[in-house]
C-alpha atoms as a PDB file:
ATOM      1  CA  GLN A   1      13.060   7.328   9.100  1.00  0.00           C
ATOM      2  CA  VAL A   2      11.109  10.477   9.612  1.00  0.00           C
ATOM      3  CA  GLN A   3       9.257  10.953  12.908  1.00  0.00           C
ATOM      4  CA  LEU A   4       5.661  12.161  12.723  1.00  0.00           C
ATOM      5  CA  VAL A   5       3.340  13.670  15.340  1.00  0.00           C
ATOM      6  CA  GLU A   6      -0.316  14.421  14.586  1.00  0.00           C
ATOM      7  CA  SER A   7      -2.518  16.964  16.318  1.00  0.00           C
ATOM      8  CA  GLY A   8      -5.882  18.630  15.889  1.00  0.00           C
ATOM      9  CA  GLY A   9      -8.337  15.789  16.369  1.00  0.00           C
ATOM     10  CA  GLY A  10     -11.410  16.076  18.522  1.00  0.00           C
ATOM     11  CA  LEU A  11     -15.184  15.883  18.758  1.00  0.00           C
ATOM     12  CA  VAL A  12     -17.271  17.851  16.264  1.00  0.00           C
ATOM     13  CA  GLN A  13     -20.887  17.877  15.175  1.00  0.00           C
ATOM     14  CA  ALA A  14     -21.880  16.724  11.717  1.00  0.00           C
ATOM     15  CA  GLY A  15     -21.346  19.513   9.211  1.00  0.00           C
ATOM     16  CA  GLY A  16     -18.501  20.967  11.214  1.00  0.00           C
ATOM     17  CA  SER A  17     -14.814  21.316  10.423  1.00  0.00           C
ATOM     18  CA  LEU A  18     -11.473  20.267  11.852  1.00  0.00           C
ATOM     19  CA  ARG A  19      -7.900  20.862  10.784  1.00  0.00           C
ATOM     20  CA  LEU A  20      -5.351  18.172  11.451  1.00  0.00           C
ATOM     21  CA  ALA A  21      -1.632  18.862  11.479  1.00  0.00           C
ATOM     22  CA  CYS A  22       1.325  16.512  11.300  1.00  0.00           C
ATOM     23  CA  ALA A  23       4.769  17.729  12.290  1.00  0.00           C
ATOM     24  CA  ALA A  24       7.767  15.874  10.883  1.00  0.00           C
ATOM     25  CA  SER A  25      11.322  15.648  12.127  1.00  0.00           C
ATOM     26  CA  GLY A  26      14.457  13.631  11.615  1.00  0.00           C
ATOM     27  CA  ARG A  27      14.855  13.746   7.843  1.00  0.00           C
ATOM     28  CA  THR A  28      14.524  16.215   4.981  1.00  0.00           C
ATOM     29  CA  PHE A  29      10.774  16.710   4.881  1.00  0.00           C
ATOM     30  CA  SER A  30      10.671  17.830   1.254  1.00  0.00           C
ATOM     31  CA  ASN A  31      12.068  14.457   0.127  1.00  0.00           C
ATOM     32  CA  TYR A  32       8.859  12.712   1.189  1.00  0.00           C
ATOM     33  CA  ILE A  33       5.361  12.533  -0.166  1.00  0.00           C
ATOM     34  CA  MET A  34       2.913  12.780   2.724  1.00  0.00           C
ATOM     35  CA  GLY A  35      -0.342  10.965   3.184  1.00  0.00           C
ATOM     36  CA  TRP A  36      -3.309  10.821   5.502  1.00  0.00           C
ATOM     37  CA  PHE A  37      -5.050   7.561   6.327  1.00  0.00           C
ATOM     38  CA  ARG A  38      -7.831   6.706   8.735  1.00  0.00           C
ATOM     39  CA  GLN A  39      -8.984   3.643  10.614  1.00  0.00           C
ATOM     40  CA  ALA A  40     -12.410   3.132  12.117  1.00  0.00           C
ATOM     41  CA  PRO A  41     -13.051   0.433  14.729  1.00  0.00           C
ATOM     42  CA  GLY A  42     -13.157  -3.008  13.150  1.00  0.00           C
ATOM     43  CA  LYS A  43     -12.066  -1.728   9.749  1.00  0.00           C
ATOM     44  CA  ASP A  44      -8.838  -1.670   7.782  1.00  0.00           C
ATOM     45  CA  ARG A  45      -6.736   1.447   7.562  1.00  0.00           C
ATOM     46  CA  GLU A  46      -7.914   3.334   4.493  1.00  0.00           C
ATOM     47  CA  PHE A  47      -6.352   5.932   2.240  1.00  0.00           C
ATOM     48  CA  VAL A  48      -7.654   9.487   2.594  1.00  0.00           C
ATOM     49  CA  SER A  49      -5.266  11.758   0.734  1.00  0.00           C
ATOM     50  CA  VAL A  50      -1.684  12.239  -0.416  1.00  0.00           C
ATOM     51  CA  ILE A  51       0.373  15.251  -1.446  1.00  0.00           C
ATOM     52  CA  SER A  52       3.487  15.496  -3.584  1.00  0.00           C
ATOM     53  CA  ARG A  53       6.843  16.680  -2.278  1.00  0.00           C
ATOM     54  CA  SER A  54       6.344  20.206  -3.600  1.00  0.00           C
ATOM     55  CA  GLY A  55       2.664  20.351  -2.674  1.00  0.00           C
ATOM     56  CA  GLY A  56       1.660  20.889  -6.270  1.00  0.00           C
ATOM     57  CA  ASN A  57      -0.168  17.594  -6.733  1.00  0.00           C
ATOM     58  CA  THR A  58      -2.766  15.945  -4.526  1.00  0.00           C
ATOM     59  CA  LEU A  59      -4.968  12.854  -4.555  1.00  0.00           C
ATOM     60  CA  TYR A  60      -8.106  12.113  -2.558  1.00  0.00           C
ATOM     61  CA  ALA A  61     -10.295   9.151  -1.799  1.00  0.00           C
ATOM     62  CA  ASP A  62     -13.688   9.488  -3.439  1.00  0.00           C
ATOM     63  CA  SER A  63     -15.333   9.513  -0.014  1.00  0.00           C
ATOM     64  CA  VAL A  64     -13.654  12.803   0.966  1.00  0.00           C
ATOM     65  CA  LYS A  65     -13.203  14.521  -2.382  1.00  0.00           C
ATOM     66  CA  GLY A  66     -14.622  18.031  -2.299  1.00  0.00           C
ATOM     67  CA  ARG A  67     -14.753  18.094   1.509  1.00  0.00           C
ATOM     68  CA  PHE A  68     -11.134  17.565   2.603  1.00  0.00           C
ATOM     69  CA  ALA A  69      -8.035  19.446   1.520  1.00  0.00           C
ATOM     70  CA  ILE A  70      -4.436  18.388   2.076  1.00  0.00           C
ATOM     71  CA  SER A  71      -1.602  20.904   2.116  1.00  0.00           C
ATOM     72  CA  ARG A  72       1.977  21.137   3.312  1.00  0.00           C
ATOM     73  CA  ASP A  73       4.434  23.770   4.466  1.00  0.00           C
ATOM     74  CA  ASN A  74       7.949  22.541   3.772  1.00  0.00           C
ATOM     75  CA  ALA A  75       9.452  25.449   5.703  1.00  0.00           C
ATOM     76  CA  LYS A  76       7.596  24.242   8.814  1.00  0.00           C
ATOM     77  CA  ASN A  77       7.974  20.496   8.105  1.00  0.00           C
ATOM     78  CA  THR A  78       4.224  20.143   8.505  1.00  0.00           C
ATOM     79  CA  VAL A  79       1.377  18.618   6.525  1.00  0.00           C
ATOM     80  CA  TYR A  80      -2.254  19.549   7.116  1.00  0.00           C
ATOM     81  CA  LEU A  81      -5.658  18.039   6.477  1.00  0.00           C
ATOM     82  CA  GLN A  82      -8.536  20.507   6.428  1.00  0.00           C
ATOM     83  CA  MET A  83     -11.760  18.587   6.919  1.00  0.00           C
ATOM     84  CA  ASN A  84     -15.053  20.317   6.144  1.00  0.00           C
ATOM     85  CA  SER A  85     -18.674  19.140   6.033  1.00  0.00           C
ATOM     86  CA  LEU A  86     -17.785  16.305   8.363  1.00  0.00           C
ATOM     87  CA  LYS A  87     -20.057  13.271   8.531  1.00  0.00           C
ATOM     88  CA  PRO A  88     -20.454  10.627  11.249  1.00  0.00           C
ATOM     89  CA  GLU A  89     -18.848   8.121   8.876  1.00  0.00           C
ATOM     90  CA  ASP A  90     -15.658  10.204   8.987  1.00  0.00           C
ATOM     91  CA  THR A  91     -15.205   9.104  12.601  1.00  0.00           C
ATOM     92  CA  ALA A  92     -11.860   7.312  12.877  1.00  0.00           C
ATOM     93  CA  VAL A  93      -8.300   7.566  14.087  1.00  0.00           C
ATOM     94  CA  TYR A  94      -6.436   9.642  11.528  1.00  0.00           C
ATOM     95  CA  TYR A  95      -2.791   8.885  10.787  1.00  0.00           C
ATOM     96  CA  CYS A  96      -0.249  10.781   8.787  1.00  0.00           C
ATOM     97  CA  ALA A  97       2.393   8.866   6.900  1.00  0.00           C
ATOM     98  CA  ALA A  98       5.544   9.558   4.926  1.00  0.00           C
ATOM     99  CA  LYS A  99       6.942   7.866   1.837  1.00  0.00           C
ATOM    100  CA  TYR A 100      10.371   8.678   0.496  1.00  0.00           C
ATOM    101  CA  GLY A 101      10.437   9.688  -3.132  1.00  0.00           C
ATOM    102  CA  PRO A 102       8.115  11.261  -5.684  1.00  0.00           C
ATOM    103  CA  LEU A 103       4.405  10.900  -6.297  1.00  0.00           C
ATOM    104  CA  ILE A 104       4.131   8.263  -9.021  1.00  0.00           C
ATOM    105  CA  ALA A 105       2.341   9.447 -12.139  1.00  0.00           C
ATOM    106  CA  GLY A 106      -0.758   7.450 -12.947  1.00  0.00           C
ATOM    107  CA  ILE A 107      -1.318   6.079  -9.453  1.00  0.00           C
ATOM    108  CA  ARG A 108      -4.697   7.213  -8.169  1.00  0.00           C
ATOM    109  CA  HIS A 109      -4.744   5.381  -4.879  1.00  0.00           C
ATOM    110  CA  TYR A 110      -2.198   4.476  -2.211  1.00  0.00           C
ATOM    111  CA  THR A 111      -2.310   1.783   0.439  1.00  0.00           C
ATOM    112  CA  ALA A 112      -0.870   1.750   3.935  1.00  0.00           C
ATOM    113  CA  SER A 113       1.869  -0.658   2.859  1.00  0.00           C
ATOM    114  CA  ASP A 114       3.246   1.999   0.503  1.00  0.00           C
ATOM    115  CA  PHE A 115       4.312   4.178   3.444  1.00  0.00           C
ATOM    116  CA  GLY A 116       7.219   3.517   5.764  1.00  0.00           C
ATOM    117  CA  SER A 117       6.798   6.096   8.534  1.00  0.00           C
ATOM    118  CA  TRP A 118       3.706   6.686  10.638  1.00  0.00           C
ATOM    119  CA  GLY A 119       2.477   8.943  13.375  1.00  0.00           C
ATOM    120  CA  GLN A 120       0.655   7.746  16.466  1.00  0.00           C
ATOM    121  CA  GLY A 121      -2.745   8.885  15.213  1.00  0.00           C
ATOM    122  CA  THR A 122      -5.326  11.403  16.361  1.00  0.00           C
ATOM    123  CA  GLN A 123      -8.975  10.626  17.074  1.00  0.00           C
ATOM    124  CA  VAL A 124     -11.694  12.380  15.102  1.00  0.00           C
ATOM    125  CA  THR A 125     -15.260  11.849  16.280  1.00  0.00           C
ATOM    126  CA  VAL A 126     -18.219  13.287  14.387  1.00  0.00           C
ATOM    127  CA  SER A 127     -21.538  13.256  16.203  1.00  0.00           C
ATOM    128  CA  SER A 128     -24.857  13.183  14.378  1.00  0.00           C
END
C-alpha cells in the first residue's frame, strides 16, 4: 500500500483559505487516483474531491464545488486541496486517500470504502 501524510490544516476565519497537502510514498504515485474526504464530529466520513492519475480529471462534492480545487504533482508524489471561501461547516478532519487504478467514467461520487490507503488526517477549523 501507499503511505500518506497530510499537512496544512489549521484554524482560519470564515471566508479565508487553506491549502492542504498530502505526500505519498511506498508505491508508484501515478498509478493511484487520489481523493480527499472529511469527517466532522458525530458524522460519517464524506467525499470531498478526487483527481485522476494524470490530474486531468477531477470530481467535487456539491458542497465544495467552486470553492475547493484539487491538484497533484506526480513528480513530487503530492496531492493538494486548495480551499477558498471557507465556511464554519467545512470544519472537520480532512483525510487524503489513494485508490489503485483509473478514475471510472460515469462515477460522480466516491465513498470511503472505495479507497484502500489513508493518511492520519489533518484538522481544519473555520471560525465564524
